[in-house]
Structure formats: C-alpha cells, structure tokens
N, C-alpha and C. Protein backbone atom coordinates (compact mmCIF):
# COMPACT_ATOMS: atom_id res chain seq x y z
N UNK A 1 96.00 109.94 106.12
CA UNK A 1 95.88 110.43 104.77
C UNK A 1 97.22 110.38 104.04
N UNK A 2 98.33 110.70 104.75
CA UNK A 2 99.64 110.67 104.11
C UNK A 2 100.01 109.26 103.69
N UNK A 3 99.66 108.24 104.52
CA UNK A 3 99.95 106.86 104.13
C UNK A 3 99.20 106.50 102.86
N UNK A 4 97.93 106.93 102.76
CA UNK A 4 97.14 106.64 101.57
C UNK A 4 97.77 107.31 100.35
N UNK A 5 98.21 108.58 100.52
CA UNK A 5 98.84 109.29 99.41
C UNK A 5 100.13 108.59 98.98
N UNK A 6 100.97 108.21 99.96
CA UNK A 6 102.22 107.54 99.63
C UNK A 6 101.98 106.17 99.00
N UNK A 7 100.92 105.48 99.45
CA UNK A 7 100.59 104.19 98.85
C UNK A 7 100.23 104.34 97.39
N UNK A 8 99.45 105.36 97.06
CA UNK A 8 99.09 105.63 95.67
C UNK A 8 100.29 106.04 94.84
N UNK A 9 101.15 106.87 95.45
CA UNK A 9 102.36 107.31 94.75
C UNK A 9 103.28 106.13 94.51
N UNK A 10 103.44 105.26 95.51
CA UNK A 10 104.29 104.08 95.35
C UNK A 10 103.81 103.22 94.20
N UNK A 11 102.50 102.99 94.13
CA UNK A 11 101.96 102.20 93.03
C UNK A 11 102.23 102.83 91.68
N UNK A 12 102.08 104.16 91.61
CA UNK A 12 102.33 104.86 90.35
C UNK A 12 103.80 104.82 89.98
N UNK A 13 104.68 105.00 90.97
CA UNK A 13 106.12 104.99 90.71
C UNK A 13 106.57 103.61 90.26
N UNK A 14 106.08 102.57 90.94
CA UNK A 14 106.50 101.22 90.60
C UNK A 14 105.96 100.76 89.25
N UNK A 15 104.90 101.39 88.78
CA UNK A 15 104.34 101.02 87.48
C UNK A 15 105.20 101.55 86.34
N UNK A 16 106.04 102.53 86.60
CA UNK A 16 106.89 103.11 85.56
C UNK A 16 108.28 102.49 85.59
N UNK A 17 108.88 102.26 84.44
CA UNK A 17 110.29 101.89 84.46
C UNK A 17 111.08 103.11 84.94
N UNK A 18 112.14 102.89 85.70
CA UNK A 18 112.89 104.03 86.25
C UNK A 18 113.48 104.91 85.16
N UNK A 19 113.69 104.38 83.98
CA UNK A 19 114.21 105.22 82.91
C UNK A 19 113.19 106.26 82.49
N UNK A 20 111.92 106.06 82.85
CA UNK A 20 110.88 107.02 82.52
C UNK A 20 110.81 108.16 83.54
N UNK A 21 111.43 107.97 84.70
CA UNK A 21 111.42 109.02 85.71
C UNK A 21 112.52 110.03 85.44
N UNK A 22 112.20 111.31 85.37
CA UNK A 22 113.27 112.30 85.25
C UNK A 22 114.07 112.29 86.54
N UNK A 23 115.36 112.30 86.44
CA UNK A 23 116.22 112.20 87.61
C UNK A 23 116.83 113.56 87.90
N UNK A 24 116.76 114.00 89.15
CA UNK A 24 117.28 115.31 89.52
C UNK A 24 118.78 115.30 89.74
N UNK A 25 119.28 114.28 90.40
CA UNK A 25 120.68 114.32 90.78
C UNK A 25 121.22 112.91 90.95
N UNK A 26 122.49 112.75 90.68
CA UNK A 26 123.17 111.51 90.97
C UNK A 26 124.14 111.79 92.10
N UNK A 27 124.33 110.85 93.00
CA UNK A 27 125.15 111.09 94.17
C UNK A 27 126.58 111.41 93.76
N UNK A 28 127.03 112.57 94.17
CA UNK A 28 128.42 112.95 93.91
C UNK A 28 129.11 113.26 95.23
N UNK A 29 128.55 112.80 96.33
CA UNK A 29 129.17 112.96 97.61
C UNK A 29 128.65 114.15 98.40
N UNK A 30 127.93 115.10 97.79
CA UNK A 30 127.49 116.24 98.55
C UNK A 30 126.14 116.80 98.13
N UNK A 31 125.53 116.25 97.13
CA UNK A 31 124.27 116.78 96.64
C UNK A 31 123.14 116.46 97.61
N UNK A 32 122.32 117.47 97.92
CA UNK A 32 121.25 117.27 98.89
C UNK A 32 120.09 116.47 98.32
N UNK A 33 120.00 116.24 97.02
CA UNK A 33 118.92 115.46 96.42
C UNK A 33 119.34 114.04 96.10
N UNK A 34 120.32 113.54 96.81
CA UNK A 34 120.69 112.14 96.71
C UNK A 34 120.14 111.44 97.95
N UNK A 35 120.12 110.14 97.93
CA UNK A 35 119.59 109.41 99.07
C UNK A 35 120.39 109.74 100.33
N UNK A 36 121.69 109.79 100.22
CA UNK A 36 122.52 110.11 101.37
C UNK A 36 122.19 111.50 101.91
N UNK A 37 122.10 112.47 100.99
CA UNK A 37 121.78 113.83 101.40
C UNK A 37 120.41 113.95 102.02
N UNK A 38 119.43 113.26 101.46
CA UNK A 38 118.07 113.31 102.00
C UNK A 38 118.00 112.68 103.38
N UNK A 39 118.70 111.57 103.58
CA UNK A 39 118.72 110.94 104.90
C UNK A 39 119.39 111.86 105.92
N UNK A 40 120.44 112.55 105.51
CA UNK A 40 121.11 113.50 106.41
C UNK A 40 120.20 114.67 106.77
N UNK A 41 119.29 115.02 105.88
CA UNK A 41 118.35 116.11 106.13
C UNK A 41 117.17 115.67 107.01
N UNK A 42 117.12 114.41 107.37
CA UNK A 42 116.05 113.93 108.24
C UNK A 42 114.92 113.22 107.53
N UNK A 43 115.04 112.97 106.23
CA UNK A 43 114.02 112.20 105.52
C UNK A 43 114.05 110.77 106.03
N UNK A 44 112.89 110.14 106.08
CA UNK A 44 112.77 108.76 106.53
C UNK A 44 112.36 107.86 105.38
N UNK A 45 112.89 106.64 105.37
CA UNK A 45 112.48 105.66 104.37
C UNK A 45 111.10 105.15 104.76
N UNK A 46 110.13 105.30 103.84
CA UNK A 46 108.75 104.89 104.11
C UNK A 46 108.37 103.60 103.38
N UNK A 47 109.01 103.35 102.24
CA UNK A 47 108.69 102.14 101.47
C UNK A 47 109.86 101.81 100.56
N UNK A 48 109.96 100.52 100.22
CA UNK A 48 111.03 100.08 99.34
C UNK A 48 110.52 98.86 98.56
N UNK A 49 110.87 98.80 97.28
CA UNK A 49 110.45 97.67 96.45
C UNK A 49 111.57 97.32 95.48
N UNK A 50 111.82 96.03 95.24
CA UNK A 50 112.86 95.64 94.29
C UNK A 50 112.49 96.02 92.86
N UNK A 51 113.51 96.37 92.09
CA UNK A 51 113.34 96.68 90.67
C UNK A 51 114.57 96.16 89.95
N UNK A 52 114.58 94.88 89.63
CA UNK A 52 115.76 94.26 89.03
C UNK A 52 116.87 94.16 90.07
N UNK A 53 118.06 94.66 89.73
CA UNK A 53 119.20 94.64 90.64
C UNK A 53 119.20 95.85 91.57
N UNK A 54 118.17 96.69 91.47
CA UNK A 54 118.10 97.91 92.26
C UNK A 54 116.82 97.90 93.09
N UNK A 55 116.63 98.97 93.85
CA UNK A 55 115.40 99.17 94.61
C UNK A 55 114.85 100.56 94.31
N UNK A 56 113.53 100.68 94.37
CA UNK A 56 112.88 101.98 94.37
C UNK A 56 112.58 102.25 95.84
N UNK A 57 113.06 103.39 96.33
CA UNK A 57 112.90 103.74 97.74
C UNK A 57 112.14 105.06 97.82
N UNK A 58 111.09 105.10 98.65
CA UNK A 58 110.34 106.33 98.88
C UNK A 58 110.75 106.90 100.23
N UNK A 59 111.13 108.19 100.22
CA UNK A 59 111.52 108.88 101.43
C UNK A 59 110.56 110.03 101.69
N UNK A 60 110.31 110.32 102.97
CA UNK A 60 109.37 111.37 103.33
C UNK A 60 109.87 112.13 104.54
N UNK A 61 109.61 113.44 104.54
CA UNK A 61 109.83 114.31 105.70
C UNK A 61 108.71 115.33 105.68
N UNK A 62 107.88 115.32 106.71
CA UNK A 62 106.70 116.18 106.75
C UNK A 62 105.85 115.92 105.51
N UNK A 63 105.65 116.92 104.65
CA UNK A 63 104.84 116.71 103.45
C UNK A 63 105.67 116.56 102.19
N UNK A 64 106.99 116.61 102.31
CA UNK A 64 107.88 116.45 101.15
C UNK A 64 108.19 114.97 100.94
N UNK A 65 108.22 114.53 99.68
CA UNK A 65 108.49 113.12 99.38
C UNK A 65 109.38 113.00 98.14
N UNK A 66 110.25 112.01 98.16
CA UNK A 66 111.17 111.71 97.06
C UNK A 66 111.11 110.23 96.73
N UNK A 67 111.33 109.91 95.46
CA UNK A 67 111.52 108.53 95.01
C UNK A 67 112.98 108.42 94.59
N UNK A 68 113.65 107.37 95.05
CA UNK A 68 115.06 107.18 94.73
C UNK A 68 115.28 105.82 94.07
N UNK A 69 116.14 105.81 93.09
CA UNK A 69 116.63 104.57 92.51
C UNK A 69 117.90 104.25 93.29
N UNK A 70 117.89 103.15 94.03
CA UNK A 70 118.95 102.83 94.97
C UNK A 70 119.70 101.58 94.54
N UNK A 71 121.01 101.70 94.39
CA UNK A 71 121.88 100.55 94.18
C UNK A 71 122.72 100.37 95.43
N UNK A 72 123.42 101.43 95.83
CA UNK A 72 124.16 101.50 97.10
C UNK A 72 123.97 102.91 97.64
N UNK A 73 124.40 103.16 98.87
CA UNK A 73 124.24 104.49 99.45
C UNK A 73 124.99 105.53 98.63
N UNK A 74 126.10 105.15 98.02
CA UNK A 74 126.86 106.10 97.21
C UNK A 74 126.46 106.07 95.74
N UNK A 75 125.51 105.23 95.38
CA UNK A 75 125.04 105.15 94.00
C UNK A 75 123.51 105.17 94.02
N UNK A 76 122.96 106.39 94.11
CA UNK A 76 121.51 106.54 94.13
C UNK A 76 121.13 107.78 93.34
N UNK A 77 119.91 107.76 92.82
CA UNK A 77 119.37 108.92 92.10
C UNK A 77 117.97 109.18 92.62
N UNK A 78 117.67 110.43 92.91
CA UNK A 78 116.39 110.77 93.53
C UNK A 78 115.67 111.87 92.78
N UNK A 79 114.35 111.86 92.90
CA UNK A 79 113.50 112.87 92.28
C UNK A 79 112.35 113.20 93.21
N UNK A 80 112.05 114.48 93.31
CA UNK A 80 110.89 114.93 94.09
C UNK A 80 109.64 114.38 93.44
N UNK A 81 108.70 113.92 94.25
CA UNK A 81 107.45 113.39 93.69
C UNK A 81 106.26 114.22 94.12
N UNK A 82 106.50 115.37 94.75
CA UNK A 82 105.42 116.29 95.06
C UNK A 82 105.96 117.72 95.10
N UNK A 83 105.07 118.69 95.06
CA UNK A 83 105.47 120.10 95.01
C UNK A 83 106.18 120.55 96.28
N UNK A 84 105.85 119.99 97.43
CA UNK A 84 106.45 120.42 98.69
C UNK A 84 107.95 120.14 98.74
N UNK A 85 108.43 119.17 97.97
CA UNK A 85 109.84 118.79 98.00
C UNK A 85 110.70 119.69 97.12
N UNK A 86 110.09 120.47 96.27
CA UNK A 86 110.88 121.26 95.33
C UNK A 86 111.22 122.62 95.84
C-alpha cells in the first residue's frame, strides 16, 4: 500500500513545477528538513526523477515522506508531503 501511495504522490509531485511547491528549508549545514538532515535521520531514497538540471527526490521513513529538490547534497530543499512528517 505504501508503494502505491508513494507512486501516486510521485506522479502528483512531478506534475507540478518545483516553484509551485512550498519549500520548508534550504540546506544550511544543520537543518533537519534538508536532504542531508533527512538522510542522517534514517530516511531512505525511494524514488528520483530528473527535473531540468535538478532532480526531484522522494524520501521515506516509516509513514513520513518528503519531496526534495536536489542539485547537490549541500544544495537541496525539502518539504513534507504527508501529515506524519510534520
């Protein structure tokens, strides 16, 4: 069921330009809502798709999920995509 949910979320996220996604945080070296911080917390990369010169990356841990705009590990922006992540 989680794969089906993430598949639907991935399709919805990829249908939007990233400028339409509200962004929670930009990596400043210590923020827990950046890709680096989420990976350190044990989130796993579940899907990735190119978006111009960047990638949209979906991360998941248990029932919490985030979508990240990824350029490099130190240049990423992430947003919770479900209530469990907030």
